Amino acid sequence: MATAALNDLLQHRLLTDSQVELVQRHPLSVNLTRAAQRQVLLRLLRKPATTQETLGRCLEEGECVVHEALLLRGDLPGGICAALATRGFNQSIRNRAKQQLQRRGTIVWLRKFTP
């Protein structure tokens, strides 16, 4: 029951950042659902100063919504963009990441594997 309440609480949009951090420090927060974890990552991505660690967590999360939010950032580092181009959640995300790399002038050779 307490874990479900924490999950619901973390998905509430009116929570402040300090309240989210407080909920995350709760001992039962290790059992959060993927939806609650996704909300936490999306909230972290909305901050103007996002750390490299946060970007890495978002990349490893592997969810479509999180990868979409990564692509919408204007300050996405080339390494993260290249990783999305090869390991993005779906073909659309991979193609958009490749387009961003091409627009930046970053030359990345990505070979397709043929079966």
PDB file of N, CA and C in Angstrom:
ATOM      1  N   MET A   1       0.821  -1.189   0.000  1.00  0.00           N
ATOM      2  CA  MET A   1       0.000   0.000   0.000  1.00  0.00           C
ATOM      3  C   MET A   1       0.871   1.262   0.000  1.00  0.00           C
ATOM      4  N   ALA A   2       1.938   1.278   0.781  1.00  0.00           N
ATOM      5  CA  ALA A   2       2.780   2.465   0.864  1.00  0.00           C
ATOM      6  C   ALA A   2       3.529   2.705  -0.440  1.00  0.00           C
ATOM      7  N   THR A   3       3.962   1.634  -1.099  1.00  0.00           N
ATOM      8  CA  THR A   3       4.664   1.792  -2.375  1.00  0.00           C
ATOM      9  C   THR A   3       3.724   2.365  -3.436  1.00  0.00           C
ATOM     10  N   ALA A   4       2.496   1.902  -3.444  1.00  0.00           N
ATOM     11  CA  ALA A   4       1.516   2.437  -4.397  1.00  0.00           C
ATOM     12  C   ALA A   4       1.258   3.917  -4.146  1.00  0.00           C
ATOM     13  N   ALA A   5       1.224   4.308  -2.898  1.00  0.00           N
ATOM     14  CA  ALA A   5       1.020   5.716  -2.572  1.00  0.00           C
ATOM     15  C   ALA A   5       2.209   6.557  -3.027  1.00  0.00           C
ATOM     16  N   LEU A   6       3.419   6.035  -2.863  1.00  0.00           N
ATOM     17  CA  LEU A   6       4.610   6.751  -3.336  1.00  0.00           C
ATOM     18  C   LEU A   6       4.597   6.891  -4.861  1.00  0.00           C
ATOM     19  N   ASN A   7       4.188   5.822  -5.548  1.00  0.00           N
ATOM     20  CA  ASN A   7       4.094   5.880  -7.008  1.00  0.00           C
ATOM     21  C   ASN A   7       3.107   6.947  -7.452  1.00  0.00           C
ATOM     22  N   ASP A   8       1.953   6.970  -6.826  1.00  0.00           N
ATOM     23  CA  ASP A   8       0.947   7.973  -7.177  1.00  0.00           C
ATOM     24  C   ASP A   8       1.441   9.379  -6.870  1.00  0.00           C
ATOM     25  N   LEU A   9       2.108   9.514  -5.760  1.00  0.00           N
ATOM     26  CA  LEU A   9       2.604  10.819  -5.351  1.00  0.00           C
ATOM     27  C   LEU A   9       3.654  11.363  -6.323  1.00  0.00           C
ATOM     28  N   LEU A  10       4.551  10.499  -6.760  1.00  0.00           N
ATOM     29  CA  LEU A  10       5.602  10.935  -7.673  1.00  0.00           C
ATOM     30  C   LEU A  10       5.058  11.330  -9.041  1.00  0.00           C
ATOM     31  N   GLN A  11       3.920  10.811  -9.416  1.00  0.00           N
ATOM     32  CA  GLN A  11       3.338  11.145 -10.706  1.00  0.00           C
ATOM     33  C   GLN A  11       2.508  12.419 -10.660  1.00  0.00           C
ATOM     34  N   HIS A  12       2.371  13.004  -9.486  1.00  0.00           N
ATOM     35  CA  HIS A  12       1.597  14.234  -9.360  1.00  0.00           C
ATOM     36  C   HIS A  12       2.400  15.407  -9.897  1.00  0.00           C
ATOM     37  N   ARG A  13       1.808  16.199 -10.752  1.00  0.00           N
ATOM     38  CA  ARG A  13       2.520  17.285 -11.439  1.00  0.00           C
ATOM     39  C   ARG A  13       2.819  18.489 -10.551  1.00  0.00           C
ATOM     40  N   LEU A  14       2.098  18.673  -9.472  1.00  0.00           N
ATOM     41  CA  LEU A  14       2.269  19.860  -8.643  1.00  0.00           C
ATOM     42  C   LEU A  14       3.329  19.706  -7.560  1.00  0.00           C
ATOM     43  N   LEU A  15       3.996  18.565  -7.513  1.00  0.00           N
ATOM     44  CA  LEU A  15       5.059  18.365  -6.530  1.00  0.00           C
ATOM     45  C   LEU A  15       6.258  19.245  -6.877  1.00  0.00           C
ATOM     46  N   THR A  16       6.839  19.842  -5.878  1.00  0.00           N
ATOM     47  CA  THR A  16       8.051  20.638  -6.100  1.00  0.00           C
ATOM     48  C   THR A  16       9.255  19.697  -6.184  1.00  0.00           C
ATOM     49  N   ASP A  17      10.368  20.216  -6.664  1.00  0.00           N
ATOM     50  CA  ASP A  17      11.583  19.398  -6.776  1.00  0.00           C
ATOM     51  C   ASP A  17      12.061  18.902  -5.421  1.00  0.00           C
ATOM     52  N   SER A  18      11.949  19.750  -4.407  1.00  0.00           N
ATOM     53  CA  SER A  18      12.388  19.317  -3.072  1.00  0.00           C
ATOM     54  C   SER A  18      11.480  18.213  -2.530  1.00  0.00           C
ATOM     55  N   GLN A  19      10.195  18.277  -2.838  1.00  0.00           N
ATOM     56  CA  GLN A  19       9.290  17.219  -2.393  1.00  0.00           C
ATOM     57  C   GLN A  19       9.581  15.904  -3.109  1.00  0.00           C
ATOM     58  N   VAL A  20       9.921  15.977  -4.396  1.00  0.00           N
ATOM     59  CA  VAL A  20      10.269  14.769  -5.143  1.00  0.00           C
ATOM     60  C   VAL A  20      11.530  14.141  -4.558  1.00  0.00           C
ATOM     61  N   GLU A  21      12.517  14.962  -4.238  1.00  0.00           N
ATOM     62  CA  GLU A  21      13.745  14.441  -3.630  1.00  0.00           C
ATOM     63  C   GLU A  21      13.462  13.787  -2.286  1.00  0.00           C
ATOM     64  N   LEU A  22      12.559  14.373  -1.531  1.00  0.00           N
ATOM     65  CA  LEU A  22      12.188  13.801  -0.235  1.00  0.00           C
ATOM     66  C   LEU A  22      11.523  12.437  -0.415  1.00  0.00           C
ATOM     67  N   VAL A  23      10.646  12.319  -1.380  1.00  0.00           N
ATOM     68  CA  VAL A  23       9.971  11.039  -1.644  1.00  0.00           C
ATOM     69  C   VAL A  23      10.982  10.009  -2.119  1.00  0.00           C
ATOM     70  N   GLN A  24      11.941  10.431  -2.945  1.00  0.00           N
ATOM     71  CA  GLN A  24      12.949   9.500  -3.450  1.00  0.00           C
ATOM     72  C   GLN A  24      13.857   8.969  -2.354  1.00  0.00           C
ATOM     73  N   ARG A  25      14.019   9.699  -1.279  1.00  0.00           N
ATOM     74  CA  ARG A  25      14.865   9.247  -0.165  1.00  0.00           C
ATOM     75  C   ARG A  25      14.148   8.254   0.738  1.00  0.00           C
ATOM     76  N   HIS A  26      12.850   8.084   0.539  1.00  0.00           N
ATOM     77  CA  HIS A  26      12.086   7.144   1.364  1.00  0.00           C
ATOM     78  C   HIS A  26      12.584   5.723   1.091  1.00  0.00           C
ATOM     79  N   PRO A  27      12.674   4.875   2.123  1.00  0.00           N
ATOM     80  CA  PRO A  27      13.182   3.510   1.938  1.00  0.00           C
ATOM     81  C   PRO A  27      12.382   2.677   0.937  1.00  0.00           C
ATOM     82  N   LEU A  28      11.107   2.921   0.808  1.00  0.00           N
ATOM     83  CA  LEU A  28      10.297   2.136  -0.120  1.00  0.00           C
ATOM     84  C   LEU A  28      10.391   2.622  -1.560  1.00  0.00           C
ATOM     85  N   SER A  29      11.124   3.699  -1.801  1.00  0.00           N
ATOM     86  CA  SER A  29      11.201   4.228  -3.159  1.00  0.00           C
ATOM     87  C   SER A  29      12.024   3.343  -4.095  1.00  0.00           C
ATOM     88  N   VAL A  30      12.710   2.345  -3.558  1.00  0.00           N
ATOM     89  CA  VAL A  30      13.454   1.426  -4.420  1.00  0.00           C
ATOM     90  C   VAL A  30      12.512   0.538  -5.221  1.00  0.00           C
ATOM     91  N   ASN A  31      11.267   0.425  -4.790  1.00  0.00           N
ATOM     92  CA  ASN A  31      10.285  -0.420  -5.462  1.00  0.00           C
ATOM     93  C   ASN A  31       9.356   0.371  -6.374  1.00  0.00           C
ATOM     94  N   LEU A  32       9.797   1.524  -6.850  1.00  0.00           N
ATOM     95  CA  LEU A  32       8.928   2.356  -7.676  1.00  0.00           C
ATOM     96  C   LEU A  32       8.634   1.686  -9.012  1.00  0.00           C
ATOM     97  N   THR A  33       7.466   1.982  -9.546  1.00  0.00           N
ATOM     98  CA  THR A  33       7.106   1.441 -10.852  1.00  0.00           C
ATOM     99  C   THR A  33       7.869   2.192 -11.934  1.00  0.00           C
ATOM    100  N   ARG A  34       7.845   1.633 -13.122  1.00  0.00           N
ATOM    101  CA  ARG A  34       8.521   2.276 -14.253  1.00  0.00           C
ATOM    102  C   ARG A  34       7.881   3.624 -14.576  1.00  0.00           C
ATOM    103  N   ALA A  35       6.574   3.727 -14.384  1.00  0.00           N
ATOM    104  CA  ALA A  35       5.888   4.997 -14.662  1.00  0.00           C
ATOM    105  C   ALA A  35       6.378   6.092 -13.718  1.00  0.00           C
ATOM    106  N   ALA A  36       6.559   5.757 -12.455  1.00  0.00           N
ATOM    107  CA  ALA A  36       7.046   6.744 -11.488  1.00  0.00           C
ATOM    108  C   ALA A  36       8.507   7.103 -11.780  1.00  0.00           C
ATOM    109  N   GLN A  37       9.320   6.117 -12.135  1.00  0.00           N
ATOM    110  CA  GLN A  37      10.715   6.385 -12.491  1.00  0.00           C
ATOM    111  C   GLN A  37      10.782   7.266 -13.727  1.00  0.00           C
ATOM    112  N   ARG A  38       9.898   7.006 -14.681  1.00  0.00           N
ATOM    113  CA  ARG A  38       9.847   7.819 -15.895  1.00  0.00           C
ATOM    114  C   ARG A  38       9.531   9.264 -15.555  1.00  0.00           C
ATOM    115  N   GLN A  39       8.583   9.493 -14.649  1.00  0.00           N
ATOM    116  CA  GLN A  39       8.216  10.851 -14.258  1.00  0.00           C
ATOM    117  C   GLN A  39       9.382  11.568 -13.586  1.00  0.00           C
ATOM    118  N   VAL A  40      10.124  10.844 -12.777  1.00  0.00           N
ATOM    119  CA  VAL A  40      11.287  11.441 -12.106  1.00  0.00           C
ATOM    120  C   VAL A  40      12.329  11.853 -13.144  1.00  0.00           C
ATOM    121  N   LEU A  41      12.601  10.972 -14.122  1.00  0.00           N
ATOM    122  CA  LEU A  41      13.585  11.292 -15.153  1.00  0.00           C
ATOM    123  C   LEU A  41      13.135  12.462 -16.015  1.00  0.00           C
ATOM    124  N   LEU A  42      11.860  12.501 -16.359  1.00  0.00           N
ATOM    125  CA  LEU A  42      11.344  13.616 -17.164  1.00  0.00           C
ATOM    126  C   LEU A  42      11.434  14.926 -16.398  1.00  0.00           C
ATOM    127  N   ARG A  43      11.203  14.864 -15.102  1.00  0.00           N
ATOM    128  CA  ARG A  43      11.316  16.062 -14.265  1.00  0.00           C
ATOM    129  C   ARG A  43      12.779  16.540 -14.226  1.00  0.00           C
ATOM    130  N   LEU A  44      13.708  15.589 -14.137  1.00  0.00           N
ATOM    131  CA  LEU A  44      15.127  15.950 -14.137  1.00  0.00           C
ATOM    132  C   LEU A  44      15.552  16.559 -15.475  1.00  0.00           C
ATOM    133  N   LEU A  45      14.972  16.070 -16.566  1.00  0.00           N
ATOM    134  CA  LEU A  45      15.314  16.602 -17.880  1.00  0.00           C
ATOM    135  C   LEU A  45      14.784  18.017 -18.097  1.00  0.00           C
ATOM    136  N   ARG A  46      13.750  18.384 -17.385  1.00  0.00           N
ATOM    137  CA  ARG A  46      13.186  19.725 -17.535  1.00  0.00           C
ATOM    138  C   ARG A  46      14.051  20.794 -16.879  1.00  0.00           C
ATOM    139  N   LYS A  47      14.939  20.397 -15.996  1.00  0.00           N
ATOM    140  CA  LYS A  47      15.813  21.369 -15.339  1.00  0.00           C
ATOM    141  C   LYS A  47      16.802  21.934 -16.349  1.00  0.00           C
ATOM    142  N   PRO A  48      17.143  23.207 -16.216  1.00  0.00           N
ATOM    143  CA  PRO A  48      18.076  23.802 -17.181  1.00  0.00           C
ATOM    144  C   PRO A  48      19.488  23.219 -17.107  1.00  0.00           C
ATOM    145  N   ALA A  49      19.948  22.904 -15.924  1.00  0.00           N
ATOM    146  CA  ALA A  49      21.297  22.350 -15.762  1.00  0.00           C
ATOM    147  C   ALA A  49      21.191  20.852 -15.483  1.00  0.00           C
ATOM    148  N   THR A  50      21.260  20.063 -16.543  1.00  0.00           N
ATOM    149  CA  THR A  50      21.159  18.614 -16.413  1.00  0.00           C
ATOM    150  C   THR A  50      22.561  18.021 -16.457  1.00  0.00           C
ATOM    151  N   THR A  51      22.846  17.131 -15.532  1.00  0.00           N
ATOM    152  CA  THR A  51      24.183  16.542 -15.460  1.00  0.00           C
ATOM    153  C   THR A  51      24.342  15.431 -16.495  1.00  0.00           C
ATOM    154  N   GLN A  52      25.584  15.091 -16.751  1.00  0.00           N
ATOM    155  CA  GLN A  52      25.889  13.996 -17.680  1.00  0.00           C
ATOM    156  C   GLN A  52      25.359  12.677 -17.129  1.00  0.00           C
ATOM    157  N   GLU A  53      25.392  12.539 -15.815  1.00  0.00           N
ATOM    158  CA  GLU A  53      24.871  11.322 -15.170  1.00  0.00           C
ATOM    159  C   GLU A  53      23.376  11.162 -15.438  1.00  0.00           C
ATOM    160  N   THR A  54      22.635  12.267 -15.347  1.00  0.00           N
ATOM    161  CA  THR A  54      21.198  12.223 -15.606  1.00  0.00           C
ATOM    162  C   THR A  54      20.921  11.855 -17.051  1.00  0.00           C
ATOM    163  N   LEU A  55      21.676  12.432 -17.970  1.00  0.00           N
ATOM    164  CA  LEU A  55      21.497  12.104 -19.385  1.00  0.00           C
ATOM    165  C   LEU A  55      21.791  10.630 -19.642  1.00  0.00           C
ATOM    166  N   GLY A  56      22.808  10.105 -18.985  1.00  0.00           N
ATOM    167  CA  GLY A  56      23.131   8.685 -19.114  1.00  0.00           C
ATOM    168  C   GLY A  56      22.030   7.795 -18.569  1.00  0.00           C
ATOM    169  N   ARG A  57      21.476   8.179 -17.428  1.00  0.00           N
ATOM    170  CA  ARG A  57      20.354   7.414 -16.856  1.00  0.00           C
ATOM    171  C   ARG A  57      19.169   7.411 -17.805  1.00  0.00           C
ATOM    172  N   CYS A  58      18.903   8.565 -18.409  1.00  0.00           N
ATOM    173  CA  CYS A  58      17.767   8.663 -19.337  1.00  0.00           C
ATOM    174  C   CYS A  58      18.009   7.804 -20.574  1.00  0.00           C
ATOM    175  N   LEU A  59      19.244   7.745 -21.023  1.00  0.00           N
ATOM    176  CA  LEU A  59      19.578   6.917 -22.180  1.00  0.00           C
ATOM    177  C   LEU A  59      19.402   5.440 -21.850  1.00  0.00           C
ATOM    178  N   GLU A  60      19.868   5.047 -20.669  1.00  0.00           N
ATOM    179  CA  GLU A  60      19.779   3.647 -20.261  1.00  0.00           C
ATOM    180  C   GLU A  60      18.357   3.227 -19.903  1.00  0.00           C
ATOM    181  N   GLU A  61      17.510   4.181 -19.550  1.00  0.00           N
ATOM    182  CA  GLU A  61      16.123   3.868 -19.200  1.00  0.00           C
ATOM    183  C   GLU A  61      15.439   3.142 -20.353  1.00  0.00           C
ATOM    184  N   GLY A  62      15.725   3.577 -21.564  1.00  0.00           N
ATOM    185  CA  GLY A  62      15.234   2.857 -22.733  1.00  0.00           C
ATOM    186  C   GLY A  62      13.757   3.003 -23.022  1.00  0.00           C
ATOM    187  N   GLU A  63      13.104   3.996 -22.479  1.00  0.00           N
ATOM    188  CA  GLU A  63      11.684   4.198 -22.744  1.00  0.00           C
ATOM    189  C   GLU A  63      11.500   5.235 -23.826  1.00  0.00           C
ATOM    190  N   CYS A  64      10.478   5.068 -24.628  1.00  0.00           N
ATOM    191  CA  CYS A  64      10.226   5.948 -25.757  1.00  0.00           C
ATOM    192  C   CYS A  64      10.035   7.403 -25.317  1.00  0.00           C
ATOM    193  N   VAL A  65       9.250   7.627 -24.289  1.00  0.00           N
ATOM    194  CA  VAL A  65       8.951   8.990 -23.848  1.00  0.00           C
ATOM    195  C   VAL A  65      10.218   9.694 -23.351  1.00  0.00           C
ATOM    196  N   VAL A  66      11.059   8.975 -22.671  1.00  0.00           N
ATOM    197  CA  VAL A  66      12.296   9.561 -22.146  1.00  0.00           C
ATOM    198  C   VAL A  66      13.255   9.872 -23.296  1.00  0.00           C
ATOM    199  N   HIS A  67      13.356   8.973 -24.259  1.00  0.00           N
ATOM    200  CA  HIS A  67      14.219   9.222 -25.407  1.00  0.00           C
ATOM    201  C   HIS A  67      13.701  10.399 -26.232  1.00  0.00           C
ATOM    202  N   GLU A  68      12.389  10.521 -26.354  1.00  0.00           N
ATOM    203  CA  GLU A  68      11.799  11.676 -27.058  1.00  0.00           C
ATOM    204  C   GLU A  68      12.185  12.974 -26.353  1.00  0.00           C
ATOM    205  N   ALA A  69      12.103  12.973 -25.039  1.00  0.00           N
ATOM    206  CA  ALA A  69      12.443  14.169 -24.271  1.00  0.00           C
ATOM    207  C   ALA A  69      13.927  14.511 -24.424  1.00  0.00           C
ATOM    208  N   LEU A  70      14.769  13.494 -24.515  1.00  0.00           N
ATOM    209  CA  LEU A  70      16.197  13.743 -24.742  1.00  0.00           C
ATOM    210  C   LEU A  70      16.420  14.441 -26.079  1.00  0.00           C
ATOM    211  N   LEU A  71      15.715  13.981 -27.113  1.00  0.00           N
ATOM    212  CA  LEU A  71      15.890  14.574 -28.434  1.00  0.00           C
ATOM    213  C   LEU A  71      15.393  16.012 -28.496  1.00  0.00           C
ATOM    214  N   LEU A  72      14.459  16.365 -27.650  1.00  0.00           N
ATOM    215  CA  LEU A  72      13.919  17.723 -27.657  1.00  0.00           C
ATOM    216  C   LEU A  72      14.845  18.733 -27.001  1.00  0.00           C
ATOM    217  N   ARG A  73      15.834  18.249 -26.278  1.00  0.00           N
ATOM    218  CA  ARG A  73      16.791  19.165 -25.640  1.00  0.00           C
ATOM    219  C   ARG A  73      17.706  19.765 -26.696  1.00  0.00           C
ATOM    220  N   GLY A  74      17.910  21.048 -26.625  1.00  0.00           N
ATOM    221  CA  GLY A  74      18.781  21.710 -27.576  1.00  0.00           C
ATOM    222  C   GLY A  74      20.251  21.534 -27.260  1.00  0.00           C
ATOM    223  N   ASP A  75      20.576  21.229 -26.009  1.00  0.00           N
ATOM    224  CA  ASP A  75      21.970  21.125 -25.578  1.00  0.00           C
ATOM    225  C   ASP A  75      22.441  19.683 -25.406  1.00  0.00           C
ATOM    226  N   LEU A  76      21.861  18.785 -26.170  1.00  0.00           N
ATOM    227  CA  LEU A  76      22.198  17.370 -26.045  1.00  0.00           C
ATOM    228  C   LEU A  76      23.627  17.127 -26.550  1.00  0.00           C
ATOM    229  N   PRO A  77      24.501  16.542 -25.725  1.00  0.00           N
ATOM    230  CA  PRO A  77      25.876  16.279 -26.171  1.00  0.00           C
ATOM    231  C   PRO A  77      25.915  15.291 -27.340  1.00  0.00           C
ATOM    232  N   GLY A  78      26.942  15.404 -28.142  1.00  0.00           N
ATOM    233  CA  GLY A  78      27.071  14.549 -29.319  1.00  0.00           C
ATOM    234  C   GLY A  78      27.143  13.072 -28.988  1.00  0.00           C
ATOM    235  N   GLY A  79      27.775  12.735 -27.872  1.00  0.00           N
ATOM    236  CA  GLY A  79      27.880  11.325 -27.487  1.00  0.00           C
ATOM    237  C   GLY A  79      26.532  10.702 -27.173  1.00  0.00           C
ATOM    238  N   ILE A  80      25.698  11.450 -26.487  1.00  0.00           N
ATOM    239  CA  ILE A  80      24.354  10.959 -26.155  1.00  0.00           C
ATOM    240  C   ILE A  80      23.525  10.852 -27.428  1.00  0.00           C
ATOM    241  N   CYS A  81      23.671  11.840 -28.307  1.00  0.00           N
ATOM    242  CA  CYS A  81      22.934  11.836 -29.569  1.00  0.00           C
ATOM    243  C   CYS A  81      23.362  10.642 -30.434  1.00  0.00           C
ATOM    244  N   ALA A  82      24.651  10.370 -30.476  1.00  0.00           N
ATOM    245  CA  ALA A  82      25.156   9.225 -31.233  1.00  0.00           C
ATOM    246  C   ALA A  82      24.656   7.911 -30.637  1.00  0.00           C
ATOM    247  N   ALA A  83      24.592   7.845 -29.318  1.00  0.00           N
ATOM    248  CA  ALA A  83      24.073   6.636 -28.671  1.00  0.00           C
ATOM    249  C   ALA A  83      22.595   6.448 -28.996  1.00  0.00           C
ATOM    250  N   LEU A  84      21.833   7.550 -29.037  1.00  0.00           N
ATOM    251  CA  LEU A  84      20.426   7.449 -29.424  1.00  0.00           C
ATOM    252  C   LEU A  84      20.291   7.016 -30.880  1.00  0.00           C
ATOM    253  N   ALA A  85      21.230   7.423 -31.717  1.00  0.00           N
ATOM    254  CA  ALA A  85      21.184   7.048 -33.130  1.00  0.00           C
ATOM    255  C   ALA A  85      21.384   5.551 -33.329  1.00  0.00           C
ATOM    256  N   THR A  86      22.071   4.915 -32.395  1.00  0.00           N
ATOM    257  CA  THR A  86      22.304   3.480 -32.530  1.00  0.00           C
ATOM    258  C   THR A  86      21.434   2.637 -31.595  1.00  0.00           C
ATOM    259  N   ARG A  87      21.082   3.195 -30.429  1.00  0.00           N
ATOM    260  CA  ARG A  87      20.346   2.398 -29.438  1.00  0.00           C
ATOM    261  C   ARG A  87      19.025   3.021 -29.034  1.00  0.00           C
ATOM    262  N   GLY A  88      18.485   3.903 -29.848  1.00  0.00           N
ATOM    263  CA  GLY A  88      17.218   4.535 -29.515  1.00  0.00           C
ATOM    264  C   GLY A  88      16.093   3.518 -29.410  1.00  0.00           C
ATOM    265  N   PHE A  89      15.012   3.901 -28.731  1.00  0.00           N
ATOM    266  CA  PHE A  89      13.922   2.979 -28.445  1.00  0.00           C
ATOM    267  C   PHE A  89      13.305   2.401 -29.716  1.00  0.00           C
ATOM    268  N   ASN A  90      13.101   3.236 -30.728  1.00  0.00           N
ATOM    269  CA  ASN A  90      12.504   2.752 -31.968  1.00  0.00           C
ATOM    270  C   ASN A  90      13.195   3.414 -33.156  1.00  0.00           C
ATOM    271  N   GLN A  91      12.789   3.029 -34.359  1.00  0.00           N
ATOM    272  CA  GLN A  91      13.434   3.528 -35.573  1.00  0.00           C
ATOM    273  C   GLN A  91      13.258   5.034 -35.727  1.00  0.00           C
ATOM    274  N   SER A  92      12.126   5.554 -35.318  1.00  0.00           N
ATOM    275  CA  SER A  92      11.873   6.991 -35.421  1.00  0.00           C
ATOM    276  C   SER A  92      12.875   7.792 -34.589  1.00  0.00           C
ATOM    277  N   ILE A  93      13.116   7.363 -33.379  1.00  0.00           N
ATOM    278  CA  ILE A  93      14.074   8.051 -32.509  1.00  0.00           C
ATOM    279  C   ILE A  93      15.479   7.937 -33.080  1.00  0.00           C
ATOM    280  N   ARG A  94      15.833   6.754 -33.563  1.00  0.00           N
ATOM    281  CA  ARG A  94      17.175   6.578 -34.143  1.00  0.00           C
ATOM    282  C   ARG A  94      17.364   7.485 -35.360  1.00  0.00           C
ATOM    283  N   ASN A  95      16.345   7.576 -36.219  1.00  0.00           N
ATOM    284  CA  ASN A  95      16.451   8.431 -37.405  1.00  0.00           C
ATOM    285  C   ASN A  95      16.558   9.906 -37.030  1.00  0.00           C
ATOM    286  N   ARG A  96      15.756  10.347 -36.070  1.00  0.00           N
ATOM    287  CA  ARG A  96      15.810  11.747 -35.656  1.00  0.00           C
ATOM    288  C   ARG A  96      17.149  12.098 -35.016  1.00  0.00           C
ATOM    289  N   ALA A  97      17.722  11.151 -34.268  1.00  0.00           N
ATOM    290  CA  ALA A  97      19.052  11.387 -33.679  1.00  0.00           C
ATOM    291  C   ALA A  97      20.102  11.482 -34.779  1.00  0.00           C
ATOM    292  N   LYS A  98      20.010  10.643 -35.811  1.00  0.00           N
ATOM    293  CA  LYS A  98      20.943  10.714 -36.935  1.00  0.00           C
ATOM    294  C   LYS A  98      20.810  12.052 -37.654  1.00  0.00           C
ATOM    295  N   GLN A  99      19.586  12.526 -37.821  1.00  0.00           N
ATOM    296  CA  GLN A  99      19.363  13.823 -38.467  1.00  0.00           C
ATOM    297  C   GLN A  99      19.981  14.952 -37.648  1.00  0.00           C
ATOM    298  N   GLN A 100      19.848  14.884 -36.326  1.00  0.00           N
ATOM    299  CA  GLN A 100      20.464  15.907 -35.477  1.00  0.00           C
ATOM    300  C   GLN A 100      21.979  15.897 -35.629  1.00  0.00           C
ATOM    301  N   LEU A 101      22.565  14.711 -35.695  1.00  0.00           N
ATOM    302  CA  LEU A 101      24.014  14.612 -35.871  1.00  0.00           C
ATOM    303  C   LEU A 101      24.432  15.189 -37.220  1.00  0.00           C
ATOM    304  N   GLN A 102      23.651  14.928 -38.250  1.00  0.00           N
ATOM    305  CA  GLN A 102      23.978  15.458 -39.574  1.00  0.00           C
ATOM    306  C   GLN A 102      23.855  16.975 -39.600  1.00  0.00           C
ATOM    307  N   ARG A 103      22.836  17.528 -38.938  1.00  0.00           N
ATOM    308  CA  ARG A 103      22.659  18.975 -38.890  1.00  0.00           C
ATOM    309  C   ARG A 103      23.803  19.662 -38.163  1.00  0.00           C
ATOM    310  N   ARG A 104      24.341  19.008 -37.174  1.00  0.00           N
ATOM    311  CA  ARG A 104      25.461  19.579 -36.412  1.00  0.00           C
ATOM    312  C   ARG A 104      26.762  19.496 -37.179  1.00  0.00           C
ATOM    313  N   GLY A 105      26.777  18.678 -38.215  1.00  0.00           N
ATOM    314  CA  GLY A 105      28.010  18.494 -38.958  1.00  0.00           C
ATOM    315  C   GLY A 105      28.893  17.412 -38.375  1.00  0.00           C
ATOM    316  N   THR A 106      28.361  16.666 -37.427  1.00  0.00           N
ATOM    317  CA  THR A 106      29.109  15.569 -36.821  1.00  0.00           C
ATOM    318  C   THR A 106      29.065  14.382 -37.764  1.00  0.00           C
ATOM    319  N   ILE A 107      30.226  13.919 -38.136  1.00  0.00           N
ATOM    320  CA  ILE A 107      30.271  12.777 -39.059  1.00  0.00           C
ATOM    321  C   ILE A 107      30.323  11.513 -38.222  1.00  0.00           C
ATOM    322  N   VAL A 108      29.297  10.749 -38.370  1.00  0.00           N
ATOM    323  CA  VAL A 108      29.219   9.487 -37.650  1.00  0.00           C
ATOM    324  C   VAL A 108      28.867   8.410 -38.666  1.00  0.00           C
ATOM    325  N   TRP A 109      29.710   7.445 -38.777  1.00  0.00           N
ATOM    326  CA  TRP A 109      29.420   6.356 -39.687  1.00  0.00           C
ATOM    327  C   TRP A 109      28.706   5.273 -38.908  1.00  0.00           C
ATOM    328  N   LEU A 110      27.463   5.073 -39.270  1.00  0.00           N
ATOM    329  CA  LEU A 110      26.669   4.048 -38.624  1.00  0.00           C
ATOM    330  C   LEU A 110      26.350   2.993 -39.690  1.00  0.00           C
ATOM    331  N   ARG A 111      26.862   1.833 -39.513  1.00  0.00           N
ATOM    332  CA  ARG A 111      26.581   0.837 -40.536  1.00  0.00           C
ATOM    333  C   ARG A 111      25.407  -0.006 -40.109  1.00  0.00           C
ATOM    334  N   LYS A 112      24.639  -0.361 -41.101  1.00  0.00           N
ATOM    335  CA  LYS A 112      23.490  -1.226 -40.849  1.00  0.00           C
ATOM    336  C   LYS A 112      23.939  -2.667 -40.987  1.00  0.00           C
ATOM    337  N   PHE A 113      23.421  -3.468 -40.112  1.00  0.00           N
ATOM    338  CA  PHE A 113      23.749  -4.879 -40.155  1.00  0.00           C
ATOM    339  C   PHE A 113      22.716  -5.578 -41.022  1.00  0.00           C
ATOM    340  N   THR A 114      23.195  -6.312 -41.976  1.00  0.00           N
ATOM    341  CA  THR A 114      22.288  -7.049 -42.840  1.00  0.00           C
ATOM    342  C   THR A 114      22.225  -8.483 -42.367  1.00  0.00           C
ATOM    343  N   PRO A 115      21.036  -9.031 -42.357  1.00  0.00           N
ATOM    344  CA  PRO A 115      20.911 -10.425 -41.880  1.00  0.00           C
ATOM    345  C   PRO A 115      21.512 -11.430 -42.824  1.00  0.00           C
TER     346      PRO A 115
END
